[in-house]
Amino acid sequence: MAVVNKKKEDSSKKAKETSIKKKNASVKKKTHLFAFNHINPYDFCEIYFPVEKKFKFSWKKATIITSIILVPFLLLALYYFVFFPTITLNGSDKMEVVYPNVYEEPGVKLSRLGKEIKGNVKIDGNVDSTKIGNYKVTYTYKEAFLERTITRRVSIVDKDLPTLTLMGSKELKICPNKVYEEEGYVAQDNYDGDLTANVVKEEKDGEIIYTVKDSSGNETKDIRAIEYLDDTLPEISLTGANPLYVTVGSSYNEPGYSASDNCDGDLTSNVSVEGSVNASTIGTYVLTYSVTDSSNNVTKVERKVIVYKPEPNTGVIYLTFDDGPHATNTAKILDALKRQGVKATFFVTMSGPDNMILREYQEGHTVALHTASHDYKTVYSSVEGYFNDLNQVSERVKRITGQTSYIIRFPGGSSNTVSRHYSQGIMTTLTREVENRGYRYYDWNVSSGDAGDTTSSDGVYSNVVNGLRKNRANVVLMHDIKSFTADAVERIIIYGKNNGYTFLPITMSTPTVHQTVNN
């Protein structure tokens, strides 16, 4: 019985040993990673080193092996973090450069243990100062297989506002019935260039708001203020002279008028005329022309019509002087006229001093119009050329005297033939046109000859007194720019008085003296 039990015990022990061997064999087939992920280290030791294991794990040996492996890495780390050179940026790690300024590389400092050293630091990254944007600059230092890197961020920015220029006025009054016509604008930017096409307009509350933005979002605004208002009076222009002289017993014919308005345009048909002229009765009549625009602005203009009886002109001498004034000679003539109590007529030009024209006017003489240039080509090339020339001297007289003169004398007289060289028939047209415009032109029937061969005071005196006639008006042509003429004037006056002549200035009521038109 005991023997049987012992056999069973031996058999059980042998089965147990066989099971352990199979288990160990199975574990050895598993991977190393699987073992470490899923088996406790101590179990692992037990598996690999069973009770009857031949190797015993040693912490001392493990520590030695670990130290051999880790010490070089620790020494390398110590060198890198303590002794390896460090890079320090000059300036900020984030830089902003305002266009059009140029980015200048600040560089870096290389130091070891707090002391600056020299070394080759490589710079990577290009900053284009001409292009707005964000850039990265990298600085790298290498020794063997070790390196250190640092980065700088650079921004090129545009902070300048674009310019916006409005053409024309920025404060406007616009007719209520009109639409504002844009006068123009220009927009420029230091970076984007011409931004005119990017301008946005908005009309709001009586303003036109102009806005422009550049590519960086910088915005500029400007405003044009508009008031829809018409407070400008319409204009009435009278054709012909004002005052207008009409011979008694003749008929009055309205010379005409025109009216225009800044908002409504031509208003001639809206003009009303009040008053009348009785050409059979001597007197001064007033005609009132009035017109109203669509904004109820009213303009009134008056014309005086003088119905007169022509002055008796037989035995009358009209002393007239062309081409002045002259500072010395005109003054000498005015002195003689003043001493003799005689009034004369001066057909002036653009030459000479203003104060001589003012003196003529203040002393009661007639200041009449001759020519601005006395250049026949300019004066007689066309109707427009003639009136452009005449208007210049007319404006001078009005500026000095405050009065508009309608008494004129053609250069060379209405009978001149020199005008044929510049325009055939021009004198025929002009003599009619000046009267249509309210002017009265006067030629002469007595010549002093001082514009020709006569060069002495005796010659001027002789030509004048020999040309006088008692049975007519005597319009004497002289030139106050001639010194010998100035010397003869007082002698001529004395002769006239001694021989029963009277002296008068030419006025709008003086009967005209015309020569035969030859062109």
Protein backbone atom coordinates (compact mmCIF):
# COMPACT_ATOMS: atom_id res chain seq x y z
CA MET A 1 0.00 0.00 0.00
CA ALA A 2 2.80 2.34 0.87
CA VAL A 3 4.58 1.47 -2.34
CA VAL A 4 1.52 2.34 -4.39
CA ASN A 5 1.18 5.72 -2.70
CA LYS A 6 4.83 6.53 -3.29
CA LYS A 7 4.44 5.73 -7.01
CA LYS A 8 1.40 8.02 -7.21
CA GLU A 9 3.33 10.82 -5.47
CA ASP A 10 6.30 10.43 -7.86
CA SER A 11 3.95 10.43 -10.82
CA SER A 12 2.23 13.63 -9.64
CA LYS A 13 5.55 15.36 -9.08
CA LYS A 14 6.77 14.41 -12.55
CA ALA A 15 3.53 15.73 -14.12
CA LYS A 16 3.92 19.01 -12.30
CA GLU A 17 7.51 19.45 -13.52
CA THR A 18 6.41 18.70 -17.09
CA SER A 19 3.70 21.38 -16.85
CA ILE A 20 6.19 24.01 -15.64
CA LYS A 21 8.58 23.21 -18.48
CA LYS A 22 5.80 23.58 -21.08
CA LYS A 23 4.77 26.89 -19.52
CA ASN A 24 8.33 28.22 -19.62
CA ALA A 25 8.67 27.20 -23.24
CA SER A 26 5.46 29.04 -24.16
CA VAL A 27 6.59 32.25 -22.46
CA LYS A 28 9.96 32.23 -24.22
CA LYS A 29 8.14 32.30 -27.58
CA LYS A 30 6.54 35.68 -26.75
CA THR A 31 8.23 38.93 -27.91
CA HIS A 32 10.31 41.06 -25.63
CA LEU A 33 7.96 44.03 -26.06
CA PHE A 34 4.95 41.87 -25.18
CA ALA A 35 6.70 40.65 -22.10
CA PHE A 36 7.45 44.13 -20.83
CA ASN A 37 4.01 45.47 -21.64
CA HIS A 38 2.07 42.67 -20.07
CA ILE A 39 4.24 40.97 -17.44
CA ASN A 40 5.31 42.37 -14.13
CA PRO A 41 9.13 42.53 -14.00
CA TYR A 42 9.19 40.38 -10.95
CA ASP A 43 6.97 37.78 -12.62
CA PHE A 44 9.23 38.00 -15.61
CA CYS A 45 12.20 37.13 -13.46
CA GLU A 46 10.30 34.26 -11.99
CA ILE A 47 9.40 33.01 -15.45
CA TYR A 48 12.87 33.26 -16.78
CA PHE A 49 14.55 32.35 -13.57
CA PRO A 50 12.52 29.79 -11.74
CA VAL A 51 13.40 28.64 -8.31
CA GLU A 52 15.91 26.34 -9.73
CA LYS A 53 17.14 29.24 -12.08
CA LYS A 54 20.80 29.34 -12.86
CA PHE A 55 21.01 33.25 -13.04
CA LYS A 56 20.16 35.63 -10.25
CA PHE A 57 19.13 39.33 -11.11
CA SER A 58 21.53 41.97 -9.67
CA TRP A 59 20.53 45.64 -9.11
CA LYS A 60 24.18 46.54 -8.74
CA LYS A 61 25.00 45.21 -12.20
CA ALA A 62 21.95 47.02 -13.68
CA THR A 63 23.02 50.33 -12.16
CA ILE A 64 26.53 49.98 -13.56
CA ILE A 65 25.21 49.21 -17.05
CA THR A 66 22.73 52.14 -16.90
CA SER A 67 25.47 54.55 -15.80
CA ILE A 68 27.73 53.48 -18.64
CA ILE A 69 24.94 54.25 -21.08
CA LEU A 70 23.59 57.55 -19.56
CA VAL A 71 26.76 59.37 -18.48
CA PRO A 72 27.84 60.38 -22.06
CA PHE A 73 24.39 61.74 -22.72
CA LEU A 74 24.40 63.65 -19.45
CA LEU A 75 27.80 65.10 -20.19
CA LEU A 76 26.63 66.13 -23.68
CA ALA A 77 23.51 67.75 -22.26
CA LEU A 78 25.61 69.56 -19.67
CA TYR A 79 27.87 70.92 -22.40
CA TYR A 80 24.95 72.02 -24.58
CA PHE A 81 23.04 73.81 -21.86
CA VAL A 82 26.03 75.28 -20.02
CA PHE A 83 28.98 75.66 -22.37
CA PHE A 84 27.48 75.71 -25.88
CA PRO A 85 27.27 79.33 -27.22
CA THR A 86 23.93 81.13 -26.96
CA ILE A 87 22.43 83.48 -29.58
CA THR A 88 20.92 86.79 -28.50
CA LEU A 89 18.94 89.02 -30.92
CA ASN A 90 19.96 92.62 -31.32
CA GLY A 91 16.69 94.44 -31.00
CA SER A 92 13.26 92.90 -30.70
CA ASP A 93 12.21 89.45 -31.81
CA LYS A 94 9.19 91.15 -33.42
CA MET A 95 10.04 94.14 -35.62
CA GLU A 96 7.71 96.47 -37.52
CA VAL A 97 9.06 98.50 -40.44
CA VAL A 98 6.81 101.26 -41.81
CA TYR A 99 6.89 101.45 -45.61
CA PRO A 100 8.77 103.02 -47.41
CA ASN A 101 11.51 102.69 -44.78
CA VAL A 102 14.04 99.93 -45.45
CA TYR A 103 14.58 96.98 -43.12
CA GLU A 104 18.12 96.98 -41.78
CA GLU A 105 19.32 93.69 -40.32
CA PRO A 106 20.09 94.27 -36.59
CA GLY A 107 22.09 91.03 -36.31
CA VAL A 108 22.74 88.90 -33.20
CA LYS A 109 25.30 88.39 -30.44
CA LEU A 110 27.04 85.06 -29.79
CA SER A 111 28.16 84.42 -26.19
CA ARG A 112 29.58 81.60 -24.06
CA LEU A 113 29.22 81.60 -20.29
CA GLY A 114 27.98 85.21 -20.50
CA LYS A 115 30.94 86.47 -22.54
CA GLU A 116 30.54 87.60 -26.14
CA ILE A 117 32.49 85.54 -28.64
CA LYS A 118 32.96 85.52 -32.36
CA GLY A 119 31.40 82.87 -34.49
CA ASN A 120 29.75 82.18 -37.81
CA VAL A 121 26.00 82.62 -37.36
CA LYS A 122 24.03 81.72 -40.48
CA ILE A 123 21.09 84.01 -41.33
CA ASP A 124 18.20 82.56 -43.33
CA GLY A 125 15.18 84.53 -44.57
CA ASN A 126 14.85 87.52 -46.94
CA VAL A 127 12.92 90.64 -45.94
CA ASP A 128 11.66 92.60 -48.99
CA SER A 129 11.13 96.16 -47.78
CA THR A 130 9.28 97.02 -50.99
CA LYS A 131 6.49 94.52 -50.32
CA ILE A 132 4.08 94.69 -47.42
CA GLY A 133 3.86 91.42 -45.51
CA ASN A 134 5.21 89.25 -42.66
CA TYR A 135 8.68 87.74 -42.84
CA LYS A 136 10.72 85.27 -40.71
CA VAL A 137 14.47 85.56 -40.20
CA THR A 138 16.25 82.53 -38.69
CA TYR A 139 19.71 82.67 -37.08
CA THR A 140 21.65 79.34 -36.68
CA TYR A 141 24.97 78.52 -35.02
CA LYS A 142 26.59 75.05 -35.47
CA GLU A 143 29.45 73.19 -33.78
CA ALA A 144 30.00 69.62 -34.93
CA PHE A 145 26.61 67.96 -34.72
CA LEU A 146 25.24 70.50 -32.23
CA GLU A 147 23.34 73.63 -33.30
CA ARG A 148 21.31 76.46 -31.77
CA THR A 149 18.57 78.42 -33.58
CA ILE A 150 16.62 81.62 -32.86
CA THR A 151 13.94 83.39 -34.94
CA ARG A 152 12.91 87.03 -35.53
CA ARG A 153 9.52 88.05 -36.97
CA VAL A 154 9.54 91.13 -39.25
CA SER A 155 6.42 92.95 -40.53
CA ILE A 156 6.53 95.49 -43.40
CA VAL A 157 3.48 97.70 -42.88
CA ASP A 158 1.91 100.74 -44.57
CA LYS A 159 0.47 103.31 -42.19
CA ASP A 160 0.32 106.34 -44.49
CA LEU A 161 -3.16 107.48 -45.50
CA PRO A 162 -3.84 107.80 -49.22
CA THR A 163 -4.25 111.36 -50.51
CA LEU A 164 -7.57 112.49 -51.96
CA THR A 165 -7.78 115.73 -53.95
CA LEU A 166 -11.10 117.21 -55.09
CA MET A 167 -11.07 119.33 -58.23
CA GLY A 168 -13.05 122.55 -58.31
CA SER A 169 -14.87 124.03 -55.34
CA LYS A 170 -15.65 122.13 -52.15
CA GLU A 171 -18.58 124.42 -51.32
CA LEU A 172 -21.12 124.68 -54.09
CA LYS A 173 -24.44 126.23 -54.83
CA ILE A 174 -26.39 124.20 -57.36
CA CYS A 175 -29.51 125.25 -59.17
CA PRO A 176 -32.55 123.45 -57.74
CA ASN A 177 -33.36 122.11 -61.18
CA LYS A 178 -29.83 120.92 -61.91
CA VAL A 179 -27.73 117.87 -61.08
CA TYR A 180 -24.20 118.37 -59.85
CA GLU A 181 -21.71 117.53 -62.55
CA GLU A 182 -18.64 116.01 -60.97
CA GLU A 183 -15.61 118.27 -61.36
CA GLY A 184 -13.23 115.42 -60.72
CA TYR A 185 -10.93 114.01 -58.07
CA VAL A 186 -7.60 112.20 -57.80
CA ALA A 187 -6.52 109.61 -55.22
CA GLN A 188 -2.91 108.53 -54.73
CA ASP A 189 -1.22 106.15 -52.30
CA ASN A 190 2.43 105.85 -51.38
CA TYR A 191 2.30 102.07 -51.83
CA ASP A 192 -0.61 101.31 -54.16
CA GLY A 193 -0.10 104.27 -56.51
CA ASP A 194 -3.16 105.60 -58.35
CA LEU A 195 -6.36 104.79 -56.43
CA THR A 196 -8.69 107.14 -58.29
CA ALA A 197 -10.74 104.23 -59.58
CA ASN A 198 -11.23 103.03 -55.97
CA VAL A 199 -12.89 106.23 -54.76
CA VAL A 200 -16.41 105.68 -53.49
CA LYS A 201 -18.93 108.56 -53.59
CA GLU A 202 -22.03 108.92 -51.47
CA GLU A 203 -24.41 111.89 -51.50
CA LYS A 204 -26.13 112.40 -48.19
CA ASP A 205 -27.71 115.36 -46.38
CA GLY A 206 -26.38 117.99 -48.78
CA GLU A 207 -22.89 116.51 -48.92
CA ILE A 208 -20.99 114.34 -51.32
CA ILE A 209 -18.68 112.12 -49.27
CA TYR A 210 -15.63 110.76 -51.06
CA THR A 211 -13.87 107.75 -49.51
CA VAL A 212 -10.81 105.79 -50.58
CA LYS A 213 -8.96 102.91 -48.93
CA ASP A 214 -5.55 101.48 -49.72
CA SER A 215 -4.64 97.80 -49.63
CA SER A 216 -3.60 98.11 -45.97
CA GLY A 217 -6.98 99.46 -44.94
CA ASN A 218 -5.81 103.05 -44.45
CA GLU A 219 -8.81 105.27 -45.23
CA THR A 220 -9.14 108.89 -46.32
CA LYS A 221 -12.33 110.91 -46.64
CA ASP A 222 -13.18 114.30 -48.08
CA ILE A 223 -16.46 116.17 -48.40
CA ARG A 224 -17.96 118.48 -50.97
CA ALA A 225 -20.82 120.53 -49.52
CA ILE A 226 -23.68 121.22 -51.94
CA GLU A 227 -26.49 123.68 -51.40
CA TYR A 228 -29.35 123.48 -53.87
CA LEU A 229 -30.14 127.16 -54.08
CA ASP A 230 -30.54 129.83 -56.74
CA ASP A 231 -29.95 133.28 -55.31
CA THR A 232 -28.33 134.69 -58.45
CA LEU A 233 -30.26 137.36 -60.27
CA PRO A 234 -30.90 136.90 -63.99
CA GLU A 235 -29.07 139.29 -66.31
CA ILE A 236 -30.53 141.72 -68.81
CA SER A 237 -28.34 143.13 -71.58
CA LEU A 238 -29.54 146.13 -73.54
CA THR A 239 -28.63 146.43 -77.18
CA GLY A 240 -27.54 149.89 -78.20
CA ALA A 241 -26.53 152.88 -76.14
CA ASN A 242 -27.75 153.88 -72.71
CA PRO A 243 -28.64 156.69 -72.66
CA LEU A 244 -29.95 156.58 -76.21
CA TYR A 245 -30.33 159.83 -78.16
CA VAL A 246 -33.23 160.32 -80.57
CA THR A 247 -33.73 163.40 -82.72
CA VAL A 248 -37.03 165.11 -82.07
CA GLY A 249 -39.55 164.51 -84.84
CA SER A 250 -38.07 161.12 -85.74
CA SER A 251 -39.31 157.77 -84.45
CA TYR A 252 -38.02 155.59 -81.61
CA ASN A 253 -37.14 152.04 -82.55
CA GLU A 254 -36.35 149.67 -79.71
CA PRO A 255 -32.72 148.52 -80.22
CA GLY A 256 -33.46 145.28 -78.41
CA TYR A 257 -32.42 143.33 -75.34
CA SER A 258 -31.61 139.86 -74.11
CA ALA A 259 -31.95 138.09 -70.77
CA SER A 260 -30.25 135.01 -69.38
CA ASP A 261 -30.21 133.15 -66.08
CA ASN A 262 -27.64 130.87 -64.51
CA CYS A 263 -30.27 128.20 -63.90
CA ASP A 264 -33.00 128.83 -66.45
CA GLY A 265 -30.88 129.82 -69.44
CA ASP A 266 -32.37 132.16 -72.04
CA LEU A 267 -35.18 134.29 -70.57
CA THR A 268 -35.39 136.89 -73.33
CA SER A 269 -38.98 135.96 -74.11
CA ASN A 270 -39.91 136.57 -70.44
CA VAL A 271 -38.71 140.19 -70.41
CA SER A 272 -41.38 142.82 -69.89
CA VAL A 273 -40.87 146.48 -70.81
CA GLU A 274 -42.59 149.34 -69.03
CA GLY A 275 -42.63 152.91 -70.25
CA SER A 276 -42.85 154.61 -73.63
CA VAL A 277 -41.00 157.20 -75.73
CA ASN A 278 -42.67 160.16 -77.43
CA ALA A 279 -40.16 161.07 -80.14
CA SER A 280 -42.18 164.16 -81.08
CA THR A 281 -41.55 165.81 -77.71
CA ILE A 282 -38.14 166.81 -76.35
CA GLY A 283 -37.41 165.19 -73.02
CA THR A 284 -35.84 162.27 -71.16
CA TYR A 285 -37.83 159.05 -71.09
CA VAL A 286 -37.16 155.94 -68.98
CA LEU A 287 -37.88 152.42 -70.12
CA THR A 288 -37.80 149.69 -67.48
CA TYR A 289 -36.94 146.13 -68.50
CA SER A 290 -37.69 143.38 -65.97
CA VAL A 291 -37.43 139.59 -65.85
CA THR A 292 -38.09 136.93 -63.18
CA ASP A 293 -36.48 133.50 -63.03
CA SER A 294 -38.01 130.26 -61.73
CA SER A 295 -36.67 130.95 -58.22
CA ASN A 296 -38.43 134.35 -58.20
CA ASN A 297 -35.22 136.34 -58.50
CA VAL A 298 -36.12 139.61 -60.22
CA THR A 299 -33.85 141.88 -62.27
CA LYS A 300 -34.74 145.33 -63.52
CA VAL A 301 -32.72 147.52 -65.87
CA GLU A 302 -33.49 151.06 -67.04
CA ARG A 303 -32.69 152.73 -70.32
CA LYS A 304 -32.80 156.49 -70.70
CA VAL A 305 -34.00 157.73 -74.06
CA ILE A 306 -33.23 161.40 -74.68
CA VAL A 307 -35.31 163.07 -77.34
CA TYR A 308 -33.36 166.17 -78.33
CA LYS A 309 -33.22 168.95 -80.85
CA PRO A 310 -29.83 169.00 -82.57
CA GLU A 311 -27.72 171.88 -81.37
CA PRO A 312 -27.14 174.63 -83.92
CA ASN A 313 -23.72 173.84 -85.25
CA THR A 314 -23.11 176.46 -87.87
CA GLY A 315 -20.11 178.48 -86.87
CA VAL A 316 -19.16 175.90 -84.23
CA ILE A 317 -15.63 174.53 -83.81
CA TYR A 318 -15.17 171.07 -82.29
CA LEU A 319 -11.52 170.70 -81.34
CA THR A 320 -10.71 166.95 -81.31
CA PHE A 321 -7.45 165.23 -80.36
CA ASP A 322 -6.47 161.65 -81.32
CA ASP A 323 -3.92 159.11 -80.05
CA GLY A 324 -3.43 160.50 -76.53
CA PRO A 325 -3.06 161.03 -73.79
CA HIS A 326 0.53 162.28 -73.52
CA ALA A 327 1.97 163.23 -70.15
CA THR A 328 3.45 166.56 -71.32
CA ASN A 329 1.62 167.63 -74.45
CA THR A 330 -1.89 166.73 -73.24
CA ALA A 331 -1.26 168.63 -70.02
CA LYS A 332 -0.14 171.68 -72.05
CA ILE A 333 -3.30 171.53 -74.21
CA LEU A 334 -5.54 171.19 -71.13
CA ASP A 335 -3.87 174.24 -69.62
CA ALA A 336 -4.61 176.28 -72.76
CA LEU A 337 -8.23 175.11 -72.88
CA LYS A 338 -8.67 176.00 -69.23
CA ARG A 339 -7.27 179.50 -69.74
CA GLN A 340 -9.61 180.11 -72.67
CA GLY A 341 -12.68 178.45 -71.07
CA VAL A 342 -13.10 176.06 -73.99
CA LYS A 343 -14.16 172.40 -73.94
CA ALA A 344 -12.77 169.85 -76.41
CA THR A 345 -12.98 166.15 -77.27
CA PHE A 346 -10.19 163.60 -76.70
CA PHE A 347 -10.28 160.30 -78.63
CA VAL A 348 -8.01 158.24 -76.37
CA THR A 349 -5.99 155.04 -76.73
CA MET A 350 -4.30 152.69 -74.26
CA SER A 351 -1.15 154.82 -74.14
CA GLY A 352 -0.30 157.62 -71.74
CA PRO A 353 -0.99 158.09 -68.03
CA ASP A 354 -4.41 157.48 -66.48
CA ASN A 355 -4.29 160.78 -64.61
CA MET A 356 -4.42 162.72 -67.89
CA ILE A 357 -7.67 160.97 -68.88
CA LEU A 358 -9.07 161.64 -65.42
CA ARG A 359 -8.16 165.32 -65.72
CA GLU A 360 -9.86 165.55 -69.13
CA TYR A 361 -13.04 164.11 -67.63
CA GLN A 362 -12.96 166.21 -64.46
CA GLU A 363 -12.46 169.45 -66.40
CA GLY A 364 -15.59 168.85 -68.50
CA HIS A 365 -14.08 167.62 -71.73
CA THR A 366 -15.49 164.66 -73.65
CA VAL A 367 -13.46 161.49 -73.29
CA ALA A 368 -14.18 159.44 -76.43
CA LEU A 369 -12.84 156.17 -77.83
CA HIS A 370 -10.25 155.74 -80.57
CA THR A 371 -8.36 152.42 -80.52
CA ALA A 372 -6.39 150.21 -78.17
CA SER A 373 -3.66 149.15 -80.57
CA HIS A 374 -3.88 151.45 -83.61
CA ASP A 375 -2.73 148.38 -85.56
CA TYR A 376 -4.76 148.30 -88.76
CA LYS A 377 -4.31 144.57 -89.25
CA THR A 378 -5.69 143.88 -85.79
CA VAL A 379 -8.48 146.44 -85.99
CA TYR A 380 -9.75 145.75 -89.50
CA SER A 381 -9.26 142.02 -89.93
CA SER A 382 -12.85 141.30 -88.83
CA VAL A 383 -15.84 142.71 -86.98
CA GLU A 384 -14.86 140.69 -83.92
CA GLY A 385 -11.29 141.99 -84.13
CA TYR A 386 -12.51 145.59 -84.26
CA PHE A 387 -14.80 145.32 -81.24
CA ASN A 388 -12.20 143.41 -79.22
CA ASP A 389 -9.84 146.33 -79.77
CA LEU A 390 -12.53 148.94 -79.05
CA ASN A 391 -13.68 147.17 -75.87
CA GLN A 392 -10.21 147.35 -74.37
CA VAL A 393 -10.02 151.13 -74.56
CA SER A 394 -13.69 151.39 -73.52
CA GLU A 395 -12.96 149.43 -70.35
CA ARG A 396 -10.00 151.70 -69.60
CA VAL A 397 -12.13 154.83 -69.85
CA LYS A 398 -14.86 153.35 -67.65
CA ARG A 399 -12.29 152.25 -65.07
CA ILE A 400 -10.86 155.76 -64.86
CA THR A 401 -13.99 157.90 -65.22
CA GLY A 402 -16.74 155.54 -64.10
CA GLN A 403 -18.62 156.32 -67.31
CA THR A 404 -19.15 154.35 -70.53
CA SER A 405 -18.42 156.31 -73.67
CA TYR A 406 -20.31 155.68 -76.91
CA ILE A 407 -18.54 158.34 -78.99
CA ILE A 408 -15.89 156.82 -81.24
CA ARG A 409 -13.53 157.59 -84.13
CA PHE A 410 -12.25 154.90 -86.48
CA PRO A 411 -8.46 154.67 -86.85
CA GLY A 412 -7.77 156.37 -90.17
CA GLY A 413 -11.40 157.57 -90.31
CA SER A 414 -14.39 155.83 -91.86
CA SER A 415 -13.07 156.73 -95.35
CA ASN A 416 -9.77 154.86 -94.95
CA THR A 417 -8.69 152.48 -97.70
CA VAL A 418 -5.95 150.70 -95.78
CA SER A 419 -8.62 148.35 -94.39
CA ARG A 420 -8.97 146.85 -97.88
CA HIS A 421 -5.69 145.00 -97.30
CA TYR A 422 -7.22 143.05 -94.41
CA SER A 423 -10.95 142.64 -95.17
CA GLN A 424 -12.94 143.70 -98.19
CA GLY A 425 -16.03 145.76 -97.26
CA ILE A 426 -15.14 145.88 -93.56
CA MET A 427 -15.77 149.63 -93.23
CA THR A 428 -19.23 149.34 -94.79
CA THR A 429 -20.06 146.67 -92.24
CA LEU A 430 -18.49 148.45 -89.27
CA THR A 431 -20.10 151.84 -89.84
CA ARG A 432 -23.48 150.14 -89.77
CA GLU A 433 -22.67 147.80 -86.89
CA VAL A 434 -21.35 150.45 -84.48
CA GLU A 435 -24.57 152.43 -84.85
CA ASN A 436 -26.61 149.25 -84.31
CA ARG A 437 -24.76 148.83 -81.02
CA GLY A 438 -25.51 152.38 -79.90
CA TYR A 439 -22.22 154.09 -80.81
CA ARG A 440 -21.92 157.37 -82.72
CA TYR A 441 -18.82 157.78 -84.84
CA TYR A 442 -17.31 161.11 -85.85
CA ASP A 443 -14.89 161.84 -88.65
CA TRP A 444 -13.52 165.34 -89.36
CA ASN A 445 -13.80 168.04 -92.01
CA VAL A 446 -10.83 170.17 -90.95
CA SER A 447 -7.35 168.62 -90.73
CA SER A 448 -4.40 170.18 -88.93
CA GLY A 449 -2.00 168.05 -90.97
CA ASP A 450 -0.02 167.15 -87.84
CA ALA A 451 -0.23 163.44 -88.74
CA GLY A 452 1.41 164.11 -92.10
CA ASP A 453 3.87 166.64 -93.49
CA THR A 454 3.10 169.46 -91.07
CA THR A 455 5.70 169.60 -88.29
CA SER A 456 5.44 173.12 -86.90
CA SER A 457 2.96 175.03 -84.78
CA ASP A 458 2.67 177.68 -87.51
CA GLY A 459 1.77 175.00 -90.05
CA VAL A 460 -0.89 173.49 -87.73
CA TYR A 461 -2.33 176.94 -87.03
CA SER A 462 -2.46 177.82 -90.73
CA ASN A 463 -4.10 174.52 -91.77
CA VAL A 464 -6.83 174.83 -89.16
CA VAL A 465 -7.84 178.46 -89.60
CA ASN A 466 -7.80 178.12 -93.37
CA GLY A 467 -10.12 175.13 -93.18
CA LEU A 468 -12.82 176.73 -91.01
CA ARG A 469 -16.25 177.59 -92.47
CA LYS A 470 -19.00 179.64 -90.85
CA ASN A 471 -21.85 177.78 -92.56
CA ARG A 472 -21.15 174.35 -91.02
CA ALA A 473 -19.93 172.46 -88.00
CA ASN A 474 -16.14 172.40 -88.03
CA VAL A 475 -14.71 169.17 -86.62
CA VAL A 476 -10.96 169.73 -86.36
CA LEU A 477 -8.56 166.76 -86.37
CA MET A 478 -5.44 167.18 -84.25
CA HIS A 479 -3.14 164.89 -82.22
CA ASP A 480 -2.28 165.71 -78.62
CA ILE A 481 0.86 163.59 -78.78
CA LYS A 482 2.50 166.30 -80.95
CA SER A 483 4.32 169.08 -79.12
CA PHE A 484 3.99 171.58 -82.00
CA THR A 485 0.21 170.97 -82.02
CA ALA A 486 0.07 171.75 -78.31
CA ASP A 487 1.87 175.01 -79.04
CA ALA A 488 -0.72 176.00 -81.68
CA VAL A 489 -3.98 175.27 -79.77
CA GLU A 490 -4.32 178.52 -77.85
CA ARG A 491 -3.65 180.64 -80.98
CA ILE A 492 -6.40 178.70 -82.85
CA ILE A 493 -8.89 179.36 -80.03
CA ILE A 494 -8.09 183.04 -79.99
CA TYR A 495 -8.55 183.22 -83.77
CA GLY A 496 -11.91 181.47 -83.57
CA LYS A 497 -13.22 183.72 -80.85
CA ASN A 498 -12.06 186.82 -82.71
CA ASN A 499 -13.88 185.65 -85.82
CA GLY A 500 -17.25 184.84 -84.27
CA TYR A 501 -16.87 181.06 -83.79
CA THR A 502 -18.01 179.15 -80.74
CA PHE A 503 -16.34 176.06 -79.25
CA LEU A 504 -18.16 172.94 -78.05
CA PRO A 505 -17.22 169.36 -77.09
CA ILE A 506 -18.80 166.51 -79.04
CA THR A 507 -21.74 164.89 -77.21
CA MET A 508 -24.26 162.23 -78.12
CA SER A 509 -26.55 165.04 -79.35
CA THR A 510 -23.92 166.52 -81.66
CA PRO A 511 -24.82 166.02 -85.33
CA THR A 512 -22.43 163.53 -86.81
CA VAL A 513 -19.80 164.42 -89.37
CA HIS A 514 -19.13 161.47 -91.67
CA GLN A 515 -16.82 160.97 -94.59
CA THR A 516 -17.51 158.80 -97.63
CA VAL A 517 -16.91 155.13 -96.93
CA ASN A 518 -14.45 153.71 -99.46
CA ASN A 519 -14.40 150.06 -98.38
